[in-house]
N, C-alpha and C. Protein backbone atom coordinates (compact mmCIF):
# COMPACT_ATOMS: atom_id res chain seq x y z
N MET A 1 -3.48 9.51 -44.13
CA MET A 1 -3.67 8.23 -43.47
C MET A 1 -4.23 8.46 -42.07
N ALA A 2 -5.26 7.75 -41.73
CA ALA A 2 -5.87 7.87 -40.40
C ALA A 2 -4.93 7.32 -39.33
N ILE A 3 -5.00 7.89 -38.15
CA ILE A 3 -4.12 7.49 -37.05
C ILE A 3 -4.80 6.54 -36.08
N TRP A 4 -6.08 6.30 -36.28
CA TRP A 4 -6.87 5.56 -35.29
C TRP A 4 -6.65 4.05 -35.38
N LYS A 5 -6.40 3.43 -34.24
CA LYS A 5 -6.33 1.96 -34.14
C LYS A 5 -7.63 1.41 -33.59
N ALA A 6 -8.33 2.22 -32.82
CA ALA A 6 -9.60 1.80 -32.20
C ALA A 6 -10.63 2.89 -32.50
N ALA A 7 -10.89 3.11 -33.79
CA ALA A 7 -11.82 4.16 -34.19
C ALA A 7 -13.19 3.92 -33.57
N LYS A 8 -13.81 5.01 -33.16
CA LYS A 8 -15.14 4.94 -32.56
C LYS A 8 -16.04 5.96 -33.25
N THR A 9 -17.32 5.69 -33.23
CA THR A 9 -18.28 6.64 -33.76
C THR A 9 -18.52 7.74 -32.74
N ILE A 10 -19.10 8.82 -33.19
CA ILE A 10 -19.46 9.90 -32.29
C ILE A 10 -20.41 9.37 -31.21
N GLU A 11 -21.33 8.52 -31.60
CA GLU A 11 -22.29 7.96 -30.64
C GLU A 11 -21.58 7.12 -29.57
N GLN A 12 -20.60 6.32 -29.96
CA GLN A 12 -19.85 5.52 -28.98
C GLN A 12 -19.05 6.40 -28.03
N LEU A 13 -18.44 7.46 -28.55
CA LEU A 13 -17.68 8.37 -27.70
C LEU A 13 -18.59 9.09 -26.72
N MET A 14 -19.76 9.52 -27.19
CA MET A 14 -20.71 10.19 -26.31
C MET A 14 -21.23 9.24 -25.24
N ALA A 15 -21.50 8.00 -25.61
CA ALA A 15 -22.00 7.01 -24.64
C ALA A 15 -20.97 6.74 -23.55
N ALA A 16 -19.70 6.72 -23.92
CA ALA A 16 -18.63 6.47 -22.94
C ALA A 16 -18.54 7.60 -21.91
N ASN A 17 -18.99 8.79 -22.25
CA ASN A 17 -18.93 9.93 -21.34
C ASN A 17 -20.18 10.08 -20.48
N HIS A 18 -21.12 9.17 -20.59
CA HIS A 18 -22.34 9.23 -19.78
C HIS A 18 -21.96 9.22 -18.30
N ASN A 19 -22.58 10.10 -17.52
CA ASN A 19 -22.33 10.20 -16.08
C ASN A 19 -20.89 10.58 -15.73
N THR A 20 -20.30 11.46 -16.51
CA THR A 20 -18.94 11.95 -16.25
C THR A 20 -18.95 13.47 -16.13
N ALA A 21 -17.81 14.03 -15.76
CA ALA A 21 -17.67 15.48 -15.71
C ALA A 21 -17.94 16.10 -17.09
N ALA A 22 -17.48 15.43 -18.15
CA ALA A 22 -17.69 15.95 -19.50
C ALA A 22 -19.18 16.05 -19.81
N ALA A 23 -19.94 15.05 -19.44
CA ALA A 23 -21.39 15.08 -19.67
C ALA A 23 -22.03 16.19 -18.83
N SER A 24 -21.58 16.36 -17.60
CA SER A 24 -22.14 17.39 -16.73
C SER A 24 -21.93 18.79 -17.29
N LEU A 25 -20.84 19.00 -17.99
CA LEU A 25 -20.56 20.31 -18.58
C LEU A 25 -21.14 20.46 -19.98
N GLY A 26 -21.80 19.43 -20.49
CA GLY A 26 -22.45 19.53 -21.80
C GLY A 26 -21.52 19.35 -22.99
N ILE A 27 -20.39 18.69 -22.79
CA ILE A 27 -19.44 18.47 -23.88
C ILE A 27 -20.02 17.48 -24.88
N GLU A 28 -19.94 17.84 -26.16
CA GLU A 28 -20.46 17.01 -27.25
C GLU A 28 -19.37 16.79 -28.29
N VAL A 29 -19.13 15.54 -28.65
CA VAL A 29 -18.22 15.24 -29.75
C VAL A 29 -18.96 15.57 -31.05
N THR A 30 -18.29 16.30 -31.93
CA THR A 30 -18.95 16.71 -33.17
C THR A 30 -18.34 16.10 -34.43
N ALA A 31 -17.07 15.69 -34.37
CA ALA A 31 -16.44 15.13 -35.56
C ALA A 31 -15.20 14.32 -35.21
N VAL A 32 -14.98 13.29 -36.01
CA VAL A 32 -13.75 12.51 -35.95
C VAL A 32 -13.16 12.57 -37.35
N GLY A 33 -11.99 13.23 -37.47
CA GLY A 33 -11.31 13.33 -38.75
C GLY A 33 -10.24 12.28 -38.89
N GLU A 34 -9.47 12.37 -39.97
CA GLU A 34 -8.38 11.40 -40.17
C GLU A 34 -7.32 11.51 -39.10
N ASP A 35 -7.06 12.72 -38.61
CA ASP A 35 -6.03 12.91 -37.58
C ASP A 35 -6.47 13.91 -36.51
N SER A 36 -7.78 14.04 -36.33
CA SER A 36 -8.28 15.01 -35.34
C SER A 36 -9.58 14.53 -34.73
N LEU A 37 -9.84 15.05 -33.55
CA LEU A 37 -11.11 14.82 -32.87
C LEU A 37 -11.61 16.19 -32.44
N ILE A 38 -12.89 16.45 -32.65
CA ILE A 38 -13.47 17.76 -32.37
C ILE A 38 -14.66 17.59 -31.43
N ALA A 39 -14.71 18.45 -30.42
CA ALA A 39 -15.83 18.47 -29.48
C ALA A 39 -16.13 19.91 -29.12
N ARG A 40 -17.35 20.14 -28.66
CA ARG A 40 -17.73 21.49 -28.27
C ARG A 40 -18.35 21.48 -26.88
N MET A 41 -18.36 22.67 -26.26
CA MET A 41 -18.90 22.82 -24.92
C MET A 41 -19.63 24.16 -24.85
N PRO A 42 -20.81 24.18 -24.22
CA PRO A 42 -21.52 25.46 -24.10
C PRO A 42 -20.84 26.38 -23.09
N VAL A 43 -20.94 27.66 -23.37
CA VAL A 43 -20.50 28.67 -22.40
C VAL A 43 -21.79 29.12 -21.71
N ASP A 44 -22.08 28.51 -20.56
CA ASP A 44 -23.31 28.79 -19.83
C ASP A 44 -23.05 28.71 -18.33
N ALA A 45 -24.11 28.66 -17.54
CA ALA A 45 -23.96 28.67 -16.09
C ALA A 45 -23.08 27.54 -15.56
N ARG A 46 -22.98 26.42 -16.29
CA ARG A 46 -22.14 25.31 -15.85
C ARG A 46 -20.66 25.57 -16.05
N THR A 47 -20.31 26.46 -16.97
CA THR A 47 -18.92 26.58 -17.41
C THR A 47 -18.30 27.97 -17.22
N VAL A 48 -19.06 28.91 -16.67
CA VAL A 48 -18.49 30.26 -16.49
C VAL A 48 -18.08 30.49 -15.05
N GLN A 49 -17.22 31.48 -14.87
CA GLN A 49 -16.81 31.92 -13.54
C GLN A 49 -17.69 33.10 -13.12
N PRO A 50 -17.54 33.61 -11.90
CA PRO A 50 -18.43 34.67 -11.42
C PRO A 50 -18.48 35.94 -12.28
N TYR A 51 -17.46 36.18 -13.09
CA TYR A 51 -17.46 37.37 -13.96
C TYR A 51 -18.22 37.14 -15.26
N GLY A 52 -18.79 35.95 -15.43
CA GLY A 52 -19.58 35.67 -16.63
C GLY A 52 -18.76 35.24 -17.83
N ILE A 53 -17.49 34.95 -17.62
CA ILE A 53 -16.65 34.48 -18.73
C ILE A 53 -16.30 33.00 -18.51
N LEU A 54 -15.94 32.35 -19.59
CA LEU A 54 -15.60 30.93 -19.53
C LEU A 54 -14.53 30.68 -18.47
N HIS A 55 -14.78 29.73 -17.60
CA HIS A 55 -13.84 29.37 -16.53
C HIS A 55 -12.65 28.64 -17.16
N GLY A 56 -11.44 29.02 -16.76
CA GLY A 56 -10.25 28.36 -17.29
C GLY A 56 -10.23 26.87 -17.01
N GLY A 57 -10.75 26.46 -15.86
CA GLY A 57 -10.81 25.04 -15.52
C GLY A 57 -11.74 24.29 -16.46
N ALA A 58 -12.82 24.92 -16.90
CA ALA A 58 -13.72 24.28 -17.85
C ALA A 58 -13.02 24.10 -19.20
N SER A 59 -12.24 25.09 -19.60
CA SER A 59 -11.46 24.97 -20.84
C SER A 59 -10.48 23.80 -20.75
N VAL A 60 -9.82 23.67 -19.61
CA VAL A 60 -8.86 22.58 -19.43
C VAL A 60 -9.58 21.23 -19.42
N LEU A 61 -10.76 21.18 -18.80
CA LEU A 61 -11.51 19.92 -18.80
C LEU A 61 -11.92 19.54 -20.23
N LEU A 62 -12.33 20.52 -21.03
CA LEU A 62 -12.65 20.26 -22.43
C LEU A 62 -11.41 19.77 -23.17
N ALA A 63 -10.28 20.43 -22.97
CA ALA A 63 -9.04 20.03 -23.66
C ALA A 63 -8.63 18.61 -23.28
N GLU A 64 -8.66 18.30 -21.98
CA GLU A 64 -8.25 16.95 -21.57
C GLU A 64 -9.25 15.90 -22.06
N THR A 65 -10.52 16.25 -22.09
CA THR A 65 -11.52 15.30 -22.57
C THR A 65 -11.30 14.95 -24.03
N VAL A 66 -11.16 15.93 -24.87
CA VAL A 66 -11.01 15.66 -26.30
C VAL A 66 -9.65 15.00 -26.59
N GLY A 67 -8.60 15.42 -25.90
CA GLY A 67 -7.29 14.81 -26.09
C GLY A 67 -7.25 13.38 -25.60
N SER A 68 -7.89 13.11 -24.48
CA SER A 68 -7.91 11.76 -23.92
C SER A 68 -8.71 10.80 -24.81
N MET A 69 -9.84 11.26 -25.31
CA MET A 69 -10.61 10.41 -26.22
C MET A 69 -9.78 10.07 -27.46
N ALA A 70 -9.13 11.09 -28.01
CA ALA A 70 -8.31 10.87 -29.21
C ALA A 70 -7.15 9.92 -28.92
N ALA A 71 -6.48 10.14 -27.80
CA ALA A 71 -5.32 9.29 -27.45
C ALA A 71 -5.73 7.83 -27.33
N ASN A 72 -6.87 7.58 -26.71
CA ASN A 72 -7.30 6.20 -26.52
C ASN A 72 -7.74 5.54 -27.82
N MET A 73 -8.07 6.32 -28.82
CA MET A 73 -8.39 5.72 -30.12
C MET A 73 -7.12 5.38 -30.91
N CYS A 74 -5.96 5.79 -30.40
CA CYS A 74 -4.68 5.53 -31.08
C CYS A 74 -3.95 4.30 -30.54
N VAL A 75 -4.57 3.59 -29.61
CA VAL A 75 -3.95 2.38 -29.05
C VAL A 75 -4.90 1.20 -29.20
N ASP A 76 -4.35 0.02 -29.18
CA ASP A 76 -5.15 -1.20 -29.18
C ASP A 76 -5.75 -1.35 -27.78
N PRO A 77 -7.09 -1.23 -27.65
CA PRO A 77 -7.70 -1.26 -26.31
C PRO A 77 -7.55 -2.60 -25.59
N GLU A 78 -7.21 -3.65 -26.30
CA GLU A 78 -6.97 -4.94 -25.66
C GLU A 78 -5.61 -4.97 -24.95
N ARG A 79 -4.70 -4.12 -25.40
CA ARG A 79 -3.34 -4.13 -24.87
C ARG A 79 -3.00 -2.95 -23.96
N SER A 80 -3.64 -1.79 -24.18
CA SER A 80 -3.27 -0.61 -23.39
C SER A 80 -4.39 0.42 -23.36
N TYR A 81 -4.20 1.40 -22.51
CA TYR A 81 -5.10 2.55 -22.44
C TYR A 81 -4.26 3.77 -22.09
N CYS A 82 -4.83 4.95 -22.29
CA CYS A 82 -4.09 6.19 -22.07
C CYS A 82 -4.73 7.00 -20.95
N VAL A 83 -3.87 7.60 -20.13
CA VAL A 83 -4.32 8.48 -19.05
C VAL A 83 -3.49 9.76 -19.08
N GLY A 84 -4.09 10.85 -18.59
CA GLY A 84 -3.40 12.12 -18.58
C GLY A 84 -2.19 12.11 -17.66
N LEU A 85 -1.10 12.67 -18.17
CA LEU A 85 0.15 12.76 -17.41
C LEU A 85 0.45 14.22 -17.08
N ASP A 86 0.21 15.11 -18.04
CA ASP A 86 0.49 16.53 -17.85
C ASP A 86 -0.37 17.33 -18.82
N ILE A 87 -0.85 18.47 -18.37
CA ILE A 87 -1.58 19.37 -19.27
C ILE A 87 -1.20 20.80 -18.93
N ASN A 88 -1.08 21.61 -19.95
CA ASN A 88 -0.92 23.04 -19.71
C ASN A 88 -1.87 23.76 -20.65
N ALA A 89 -2.23 24.96 -20.28
CA ALA A 89 -3.18 25.73 -21.07
C ALA A 89 -2.87 27.21 -20.96
N ASN A 90 -2.97 27.88 -22.08
CA ASN A 90 -2.87 29.34 -22.12
C ASN A 90 -4.23 29.87 -22.53
N HIS A 91 -4.82 30.68 -21.67
CA HIS A 91 -6.13 31.27 -21.93
C HIS A 91 -5.89 32.60 -22.65
N LEU A 92 -6.35 32.70 -23.89
CA LEU A 92 -5.97 33.82 -24.75
C LEU A 92 -7.02 34.92 -24.85
N ARG A 93 -8.29 34.55 -24.75
CA ARG A 93 -9.35 35.55 -24.83
C ARG A 93 -10.56 35.00 -24.11
N PRO A 94 -11.40 35.87 -23.57
CA PRO A 94 -12.59 35.39 -22.88
C PRO A 94 -13.69 34.97 -23.86
N ALA A 95 -14.51 34.05 -23.41
CA ALA A 95 -15.74 33.69 -24.14
C ALA A 95 -16.88 33.94 -23.15
N THR A 96 -17.96 34.55 -23.62
CA THR A 96 -19.06 34.92 -22.72
C THR A 96 -20.38 34.25 -23.06
N GLY A 97 -20.44 33.52 -24.14
CA GLY A 97 -21.68 32.86 -24.52
C GLY A 97 -21.47 31.96 -25.71
N GLY A 98 -22.52 31.29 -26.14
CA GLY A 98 -22.43 30.40 -27.29
C GLY A 98 -21.71 29.11 -26.93
N TRP A 99 -20.86 28.69 -27.84
CA TRP A 99 -20.11 27.45 -27.69
C TRP A 99 -18.63 27.71 -27.91
N VAL A 100 -17.80 26.88 -27.29
CA VAL A 100 -16.38 26.82 -27.64
C VAL A 100 -16.13 25.43 -28.22
N THR A 101 -15.26 25.38 -29.21
CA THR A 101 -14.99 24.14 -29.92
C THR A 101 -13.51 23.81 -29.81
N ALA A 102 -13.22 22.56 -29.41
CA ALA A 102 -11.85 22.10 -29.23
C ALA A 102 -11.49 21.09 -30.31
N THR A 103 -10.32 21.27 -30.90
CA THR A 103 -9.79 20.33 -31.89
C THR A 103 -8.47 19.78 -31.37
N ALA A 104 -8.41 18.45 -31.25
CA ALA A 104 -7.19 17.77 -30.79
C ALA A 104 -6.49 17.14 -31.99
N ARG A 105 -5.18 17.41 -32.09
CA ARG A 105 -4.32 16.79 -33.11
C ARG A 105 -3.03 16.35 -32.43
N PRO A 106 -2.46 15.24 -32.87
CA PRO A 106 -1.24 14.76 -32.20
C PRO A 106 0.02 15.49 -32.64
N PHE A 107 0.89 15.73 -31.67
CA PHE A 107 2.28 16.12 -31.94
C PHE A 107 3.13 14.86 -32.03
N HIS A 108 2.81 13.89 -31.14
CA HIS A 108 3.62 12.68 -31.02
C HIS A 108 2.74 11.53 -30.54
N ILE A 109 2.83 10.39 -31.23
CA ILE A 109 2.14 9.19 -30.78
C ILE A 109 3.20 8.11 -30.64
N GLY A 110 3.60 7.84 -29.41
CA GLY A 110 4.66 6.86 -29.15
C GLY A 110 4.16 5.66 -28.39
N ARG A 111 5.07 4.73 -28.10
CA ARG A 111 4.71 3.52 -27.35
C ARG A 111 4.36 3.81 -25.90
N ALA A 112 5.08 4.77 -25.29
CA ALA A 112 4.90 5.04 -23.86
C ALA A 112 4.17 6.35 -23.58
N THR A 113 4.26 7.30 -24.50
CA THR A 113 3.61 8.59 -24.30
C THR A 113 3.02 9.10 -25.61
N GLN A 114 2.09 10.00 -25.47
CA GLN A 114 1.53 10.74 -26.60
C GLN A 114 1.47 12.21 -26.18
N VAL A 115 1.65 13.11 -27.14
CA VAL A 115 1.52 14.54 -26.87
C VAL A 115 0.53 15.11 -27.88
N TRP A 116 -0.48 15.81 -27.36
CA TRP A 116 -1.57 16.34 -28.18
C TRP A 116 -1.64 17.86 -28.09
N ASP A 117 -1.95 18.47 -29.22
CA ASP A 117 -2.21 19.91 -29.34
C ASP A 117 -3.72 20.08 -29.38
N ILE A 118 -4.24 20.88 -28.47
CA ILE A 118 -5.68 21.14 -28.45
C ILE A 118 -5.89 22.64 -28.55
N ARG A 119 -6.66 23.03 -29.55
CA ARG A 119 -6.97 24.45 -29.77
C ARG A 119 -8.46 24.65 -29.58
N ILE A 120 -8.80 25.63 -28.76
CA ILE A 120 -10.20 25.92 -28.46
C ILE A 120 -10.53 27.30 -29.03
N VAL A 121 -11.60 27.33 -29.82
CA VAL A 121 -12.04 28.58 -30.45
C VAL A 121 -13.49 28.88 -30.07
N ASP A 122 -13.86 30.16 -30.21
CA ASP A 122 -15.25 30.55 -29.95
C ASP A 122 -16.07 30.42 -31.24
N ASP A 123 -17.33 30.82 -31.18
CA ASP A 123 -18.22 30.69 -32.34
C ASP A 123 -17.74 31.50 -33.54
N ALA A 124 -16.96 32.55 -33.30
CA ALA A 124 -16.43 33.38 -34.38
C ALA A 124 -15.10 32.86 -34.91
N GLY A 125 -14.63 31.73 -34.36
CA GLY A 125 -13.36 31.15 -34.80
C GLY A 125 -12.14 31.78 -34.15
N ARG A 126 -12.35 32.63 -33.14
CA ARG A 126 -11.22 33.27 -32.46
C ARG A 126 -10.65 32.33 -31.41
N MET A 127 -9.34 32.28 -31.32
CA MET A 127 -8.66 31.41 -30.37
C MET A 127 -8.95 31.85 -28.94
N VAL A 128 -9.48 30.92 -28.16
CA VAL A 128 -9.80 31.17 -26.75
C VAL A 128 -8.72 30.57 -25.85
N CYS A 129 -8.25 29.38 -26.21
CA CYS A 129 -7.29 28.66 -25.36
C CYS A 129 -6.47 27.73 -26.25
N ILE A 130 -5.21 27.59 -25.91
CA ILE A 130 -4.36 26.59 -26.55
C ILE A 130 -3.77 25.73 -25.44
N SER A 131 -3.78 24.43 -25.67
CA SER A 131 -3.37 23.50 -24.63
C SER A 131 -2.46 22.42 -25.21
N ARG A 132 -1.57 21.92 -24.38
CA ARG A 132 -0.75 20.76 -24.73
C ARG A 132 -0.99 19.70 -23.67
N LEU A 133 -1.35 18.51 -24.12
CA LEU A 133 -1.68 17.41 -23.23
C LEU A 133 -0.72 16.26 -23.47
N THR A 134 -0.07 15.79 -22.41
CA THR A 134 0.77 14.61 -22.49
C THR A 134 0.03 13.45 -21.85
N MET A 135 -0.05 12.35 -22.58
CA MET A 135 -0.76 11.15 -22.12
C MET A 135 0.24 10.03 -21.90
N ALA A 136 0.05 9.28 -20.83
CA ALA A 136 0.83 8.06 -20.59
C ALA A 136 0.08 6.89 -21.20
N VAL A 137 0.79 6.04 -21.93
CA VAL A 137 0.22 4.82 -22.47
C VAL A 137 0.52 3.71 -21.47
N VAL A 138 -0.55 3.14 -20.90
CA VAL A 138 -0.42 2.16 -19.83
C VAL A 138 -0.78 0.78 -20.36
N ALA A 139 0.11 -0.18 -20.15
CA ALA A 139 -0.15 -1.56 -20.58
C ALA A 139 -1.20 -2.19 -19.68
N ARG A 140 -2.12 -2.91 -20.29
CA ARG A 140 -3.11 -3.64 -19.50
C ARG A 140 -2.46 -4.89 -18.92
N GLN A 141 -2.85 -5.24 -17.71
CA GLN A 141 -2.38 -6.46 -17.07
C GLN A 141 -3.18 -7.64 -17.60
N ALA A 142 -2.61 -8.80 -17.58
CA ALA A 142 -3.29 -10.01 -18.08
C ALA A 142 -4.61 -10.27 -17.34
N SER A 143 -4.70 -9.84 -16.09
CA SER A 143 -5.90 -10.10 -15.30
C SER A 143 -7.02 -9.08 -15.55
N GLU A 144 -6.73 -8.02 -16.29
CA GLU A 144 -7.76 -6.99 -16.54
C GLU A 144 -8.81 -7.46 -17.51
């Protein structure tokens, strides 16, 4: 069973990221599954640190981007929206080129909070980073 209340197409998700940090880093949504959202990011001059390996901050930005998009598709956009509350990340191996791909899946989808598991792999499918993102579900005000 799909978890989405406000399902969006890949094109709609990409359009929403126009002129954002995610767009600046080249993040692309590649798939929306029944219970997952997948996006990728290039490992290039925009996303590496001085040693030529993927910057941990870029990995975290990718994780929060894919988790946040997924979280917001799990709420009625007329009534609420989701914002990041906490994120942690463990960087497991370096990536030096190609693309990294993040898959977000929920641990918990509640009325007030959501918790997402985001796994980032390299082109060979090796785990680069694992992240847990907690999202706050915020009620929209009548005047919004």
